[in-house]
Amino acid sequence: MAVPGSASAASGQFRYTYTTAEGYEAVGFLNNPVSGECINLRGPASEPGSFSRAPKNRTDASASVFLDADCEGDVYYTLPPGAGAGERLLMRSVIFS
């Protein structure tokens, strides 16, 4: 009898900033995100022409943030555990190692 393995998760929180449809600054977060699966950031970042920004990787895993949705494209940046990036780093998706 095979026992299915549980999905691996990064421990901690990944935070990012975005602007709401009403023009307000807001903070999004992912708690204990699944490793190895692309996560498209919800909200205005998923709308054409809009991005999330200023990621803070407070997890124990590396986080690669992509300018494009679905973790596609050649434009990405990898944040080591505990690292953050400034307001100018734009992103639409993230994957954890």
N, C-alpha and C. Protein backbone atom coordinates (compact mmCIF):
# COMPACT_ATOMS: atom_id res chain seq x y z
N MET A 1 0.84 -1.17 0.00
CA MET A 1 0.00 0.00 0.00
C MET A 1 0.89 1.24 0.00
N ALA A 2 0.70 2.11 -0.94
CA ALA A 2 1.48 3.35 -1.04
C ALA A 2 0.80 4.45 -0.25
N VAL A 3 1.62 5.20 0.45
CA VAL A 3 1.11 6.34 1.20
C VAL A 3 1.50 7.60 0.45
N PRO A 4 0.52 8.43 0.08
CA PRO A 4 0.87 9.65 -0.66
C PRO A 4 1.69 10.59 0.22
N GLY A 5 2.70 11.18 -0.38
CA GLY A 5 3.53 12.13 0.35
C GLY A 5 2.83 13.48 0.47
N SER A 6 3.14 14.17 1.52
CA SER A 6 2.55 15.50 1.68
C SER A 6 3.37 16.51 0.88
N ALA A 7 2.72 17.54 0.45
CA ALA A 7 3.40 18.58 -0.32
C ALA A 7 4.38 19.32 0.58
N SER A 8 5.53 19.60 0.06
CA SER A 8 6.54 20.34 0.79
C SER A 8 6.15 21.82 0.79
N ALA A 9 6.38 22.47 1.91
CA ALA A 9 6.04 23.89 2.00
C ALA A 9 7.20 24.66 2.59
N ALA A 10 7.32 25.89 2.17
CA ALA A 10 8.28 26.80 2.78
C ALA A 10 7.65 27.29 4.08
N SER A 11 8.41 27.30 5.14
CA SER A 11 7.88 27.79 6.42
C SER A 11 8.10 29.29 6.52
N GLY A 12 7.06 30.00 6.87
CA GLY A 12 7.15 31.44 7.04
C GLY A 12 6.17 32.17 6.15
N GLN A 13 6.44 33.46 5.94
CA GLN A 13 5.51 34.30 5.20
C GLN A 13 6.24 35.06 4.09
N PHE A 14 5.59 35.16 2.95
CA PHE A 14 6.06 35.96 1.81
C PHE A 14 5.11 37.14 1.70
N ARG A 15 5.65 38.36 1.71
CA ARG A 15 4.82 39.57 1.67
C ARG A 15 5.15 40.39 0.43
N TYR A 16 4.17 41.14 -0.04
CA TYR A 16 4.37 42.01 -1.19
C TYR A 16 3.37 43.16 -1.11
N THR A 17 3.65 44.21 -1.86
CA THR A 17 2.81 45.39 -1.88
C THR A 17 2.12 45.49 -3.23
N TYR A 18 0.90 46.03 -3.24
CA TYR A 18 0.21 46.29 -4.50
C TYR A 18 -0.73 47.47 -4.30
N THR A 19 -1.21 48.01 -5.39
CA THR A 19 -2.17 49.11 -5.36
C THR A 19 -3.54 48.56 -5.70
N THR A 20 -4.53 48.84 -4.86
CA THR A 20 -5.88 48.34 -5.10
C THR A 20 -6.51 49.06 -6.29
N ALA A 21 -7.62 48.54 -6.77
CA ALA A 21 -8.35 49.17 -7.87
C ALA A 21 -8.79 50.59 -7.50
N GLU A 22 -8.95 50.83 -6.18
CA GLU A 22 -9.35 52.17 -5.70
C GLU A 22 -8.17 53.10 -5.51
N GLY A 23 -6.95 52.60 -5.74
CA GLY A 23 -5.76 53.44 -5.63
C GLY A 23 -5.08 53.41 -4.27
N TYR A 24 -5.47 52.52 -3.37
CA TYR A 24 -4.86 52.42 -2.05
C TYR A 24 -3.71 51.43 -2.06
N GLU A 25 -2.71 51.69 -1.22
CA GLU A 25 -1.61 50.75 -1.04
C GLU A 25 -2.09 49.62 -0.14
N ALA A 26 -1.75 48.39 -0.48
CA ALA A 26 -2.15 47.24 0.31
C ALA A 26 -1.00 46.25 0.37
N VAL A 27 -1.05 45.36 1.37
CA VAL A 27 -0.04 44.32 1.52
C VAL A 27 -0.70 42.97 1.34
N GLY A 28 -0.12 42.15 0.47
CA GLY A 28 -0.58 40.78 0.29
C GLY A 28 0.43 39.86 0.95
N PHE A 29 0.00 38.66 1.29
CA PHE A 29 0.94 37.72 1.89
C PHE A 29 0.53 36.28 1.60
N LEU A 30 1.54 35.42 1.62
CA LEU A 30 1.36 33.98 1.46
C LEU A 30 1.97 33.33 2.69
N ASN A 31 1.20 32.58 3.46
CA ASN A 31 1.69 31.88 4.63
C ASN A 31 2.05 30.45 4.28
N ASN A 32 3.26 30.03 4.63
CA ASN A 32 3.74 28.67 4.39
C ASN A 32 3.42 28.20 2.97
N PRO A 33 3.91 28.93 1.95
CA PRO A 33 3.58 28.58 0.56
C PRO A 33 4.16 27.24 0.14
N VAL A 34 3.45 26.57 -0.75
CA VAL A 34 3.88 25.28 -1.29
C VAL A 34 5.15 25.47 -2.11
N SER A 35 6.10 24.57 -1.95
CA SER A 35 7.35 24.63 -2.71
C SER A 35 7.18 23.94 -4.06
N GLY A 36 7.85 24.48 -5.07
CA GLY A 36 7.88 23.85 -6.38
C GLY A 36 6.66 24.09 -7.24
N GLU A 37 5.72 24.88 -6.79
CA GLU A 37 4.52 25.21 -7.59
C GLU A 37 4.44 26.71 -7.79
N CYS A 38 4.20 27.10 -9.02
CA CYS A 38 4.08 28.53 -9.32
C CYS A 38 2.80 29.09 -8.69
N ILE A 39 2.92 30.25 -8.09
CA ILE A 39 1.78 30.93 -7.48
C ILE A 39 1.61 32.27 -8.18
N ASN A 40 0.48 32.46 -8.85
CA ASN A 40 0.16 33.76 -9.43
C ASN A 40 -0.41 34.62 -8.31
N LEU A 41 0.10 35.83 -8.22
CA LEU A 41 -0.35 36.73 -7.17
C LEU A 41 -1.73 37.25 -7.51
N ARG A 42 -2.62 37.20 -6.57
CA ARG A 42 -4.02 37.60 -6.78
C ARG A 42 -4.20 39.10 -6.75
N GLY A 43 -5.41 39.49 -7.08
CA GLY A 43 -5.77 40.91 -7.01
C GLY A 43 -5.32 41.67 -8.23
N PRO A 44 -5.09 42.97 -8.07
CA PRO A 44 -4.74 43.82 -9.21
C PRO A 44 -3.53 43.32 -9.98
N ALA A 45 -2.64 42.57 -9.33
CA ALA A 45 -1.45 42.10 -10.04
C ALA A 45 -1.79 41.15 -11.17
N SER A 46 -2.97 40.54 -11.11
CA SER A 46 -3.35 39.61 -12.16
C SER A 46 -4.01 40.29 -13.35
N GLU A 47 -4.34 41.56 -13.21
CA GLU A 47 -4.96 42.31 -14.29
C GLU A 47 -3.89 42.81 -15.27
N PRO A 48 -4.19 42.83 -16.56
CA PRO A 48 -3.20 43.30 -17.54
C PRO A 48 -2.69 44.70 -17.20
N GLY A 49 -1.38 44.87 -17.27
CA GLY A 49 -0.78 46.17 -17.02
C GLY A 49 -0.54 46.49 -15.56
N SER A 50 -0.86 45.57 -14.64
CA SER A 50 -0.63 45.85 -13.22
C SER A 50 0.33 44.82 -12.63
N PHE A 51 1.04 45.23 -11.61
CA PHE A 51 2.06 44.40 -10.99
C PHE A 51 1.99 44.52 -9.47
N SER A 52 2.51 43.50 -8.81
CA SER A 52 2.82 43.62 -7.39
C SER A 52 4.27 44.05 -7.31
N ARG A 53 4.72 44.47 -6.13
CA ARG A 53 6.09 44.97 -6.00
C ARG A 53 6.59 44.78 -4.57
N ALA A 54 7.84 45.10 -4.36
CA ALA A 54 8.49 45.12 -3.05
C ALA A 54 8.33 43.81 -2.27
N PRO A 55 8.76 42.68 -2.84
CA PRO A 55 8.62 41.42 -2.11
C PRO A 55 9.53 41.34 -0.89
N LYS A 56 9.05 40.62 0.11
CA LYS A 56 9.83 40.33 1.31
C LYS A 56 9.68 38.84 1.58
N ASN A 57 10.77 38.12 1.42
CA ASN A 57 10.75 36.67 1.58
C ASN A 57 11.12 36.32 3.03
N ARG A 58 10.13 36.13 3.86
CA ARG A 58 10.35 35.79 5.27
C ARG A 58 10.13 34.29 5.49
N THR A 59 10.45 33.50 4.44
CA THR A 59 10.34 32.05 4.54
C THR A 59 11.74 31.45 4.69
N ASP A 60 11.79 30.13 4.86
CA ASP A 60 13.07 29.43 4.96
C ASP A 60 13.51 28.86 3.61
N ALA A 61 12.87 29.27 2.52
CA ALA A 61 13.21 28.79 1.17
C ALA A 61 13.51 29.98 0.26
N SER A 62 14.23 29.73 -0.82
CA SER A 62 14.45 30.76 -1.82
C SER A 62 13.16 30.99 -2.59
N ALA A 63 12.91 32.24 -2.97
CA ALA A 63 11.71 32.60 -3.73
C ALA A 63 12.14 33.28 -5.03
N SER A 64 11.72 32.72 -6.15
CA SER A 64 11.99 33.35 -7.45
C SER A 64 10.73 34.06 -7.89
N VAL A 65 10.83 35.38 -8.05
CA VAL A 65 9.68 36.19 -8.47
C VAL A 65 9.83 36.51 -9.95
N PHE A 66 8.71 36.40 -10.67
CA PHE A 66 8.70 36.60 -12.12
C PHE A 66 7.88 37.82 -12.50
N LEU A 67 8.35 38.53 -13.51
CA LEU A 67 7.62 39.66 -14.05
C LEU A 67 6.32 39.20 -14.70
N ASP A 68 6.33 37.99 -15.30
CA ASP A 68 5.16 37.46 -15.98
C ASP A 68 4.38 36.49 -15.09
N ALA A 69 3.12 36.30 -15.41
CA ALA A 69 2.29 35.30 -14.72
C ALA A 69 2.78 33.91 -15.05
N ASP A 70 2.36 32.94 -14.27
CA ASP A 70 2.67 31.52 -14.48
C ASP A 70 4.16 31.21 -14.42
N CYS A 71 4.94 32.07 -13.77
CA CYS A 71 6.39 31.88 -13.62
C CYS A 71 7.06 31.66 -14.96
N GLU A 72 6.62 32.41 -15.96
CA GLU A 72 7.17 32.30 -17.30
C GLU A 72 7.99 33.53 -17.63
N GLY A 73 8.79 33.40 -18.65
CA GLY A 73 9.59 34.52 -19.14
C GLY A 73 11.00 34.50 -18.59
N ASP A 74 11.82 35.36 -19.17
CA ASP A 74 13.23 35.44 -18.80
C ASP A 74 13.51 36.46 -17.72
N VAL A 75 12.50 37.23 -17.31
CA VAL A 75 12.71 38.28 -16.32
C VAL A 75 12.25 37.77 -14.96
N TYR A 76 13.23 37.45 -14.10
CA TYR A 76 12.93 36.99 -12.75
C TYR A 76 14.07 37.38 -11.82
N TYR A 77 13.80 37.29 -10.53
CA TYR A 77 14.80 37.61 -9.51
C TYR A 77 14.61 36.63 -8.37
N THR A 78 15.71 36.09 -7.86
CA THR A 78 15.62 35.13 -6.77
C THR A 78 16.02 35.79 -5.45
N LEU A 79 15.11 35.68 -4.49
CA LEU A 79 15.34 36.20 -3.15
C LEU A 79 15.70 35.05 -2.21
N PRO A 80 16.86 35.13 -1.55
CA PRO A 80 17.19 34.09 -0.59
C PRO A 80 16.28 34.19 0.64
N PRO A 81 16.26 33.16 1.48
CA PRO A 81 15.44 33.22 2.69
C PRO A 81 15.77 34.47 3.52
N GLY A 82 14.75 35.14 3.98
CA GLY A 82 14.91 36.31 4.84
C GLY A 82 15.19 37.61 4.12
N ALA A 83 15.30 37.60 2.79
CA ALA A 83 15.66 38.81 2.04
C ALA A 83 14.43 39.53 1.51
N GLY A 84 14.63 40.80 1.21
CA GLY A 84 13.58 41.61 0.60
C GLY A 84 14.15 42.39 -0.55
N ALA A 85 13.27 43.02 -1.31
CA ALA A 85 13.69 43.86 -2.43
C ALA A 85 12.89 45.15 -2.37
N GLY A 86 13.38 46.16 -3.02
CA GLY A 86 12.77 47.47 -2.97
C GLY A 86 11.49 47.60 -3.79
N GLU A 87 10.92 48.77 -3.72
CA GLU A 87 9.66 49.10 -4.40
C GLU A 87 9.73 48.93 -5.90
N ARG A 88 10.91 49.01 -6.47
CA ARG A 88 11.03 48.98 -7.93
C ARG A 88 10.99 47.59 -8.53
N LEU A 89 11.09 46.53 -7.69
CA LEU A 89 11.04 45.17 -8.22
C LEU A 89 9.58 44.78 -8.44
N LEU A 90 9.20 44.62 -9.71
CA LEU A 90 7.83 44.29 -10.08
C LEU A 90 7.70 42.79 -10.32
N MET A 91 6.49 42.25 -10.05
CA MET A 91 6.30 40.81 -10.21
C MET A 91 4.83 40.49 -10.37
N ARG A 92 4.58 39.31 -10.97
CA ARG A 92 3.21 38.79 -11.11
C ARG A 92 3.07 37.37 -10.57
N SER A 93 4.20 36.68 -10.38
CA SER A 93 4.13 35.31 -9.89
C SER A 93 5.40 34.98 -9.11
N VAL A 94 5.33 33.89 -8.33
CA VAL A 94 6.45 33.48 -7.49
C VAL A 94 6.47 31.96 -7.37
N ILE A 95 7.68 31.40 -7.22
CA ILE A 95 7.84 29.97 -6.97
C ILE A 95 8.92 29.81 -5.90
N PHE A 96 8.69 28.88 -4.98
CA PHE A 96 9.62 28.65 -3.86
C PHE A 96 10.38 27.35 -4.09
N SER A 97 11.66 27.34 -3.70
CA SER A 97 12.47 26.14 -3.88
C SER A 97 12.37 25.25 -2.66
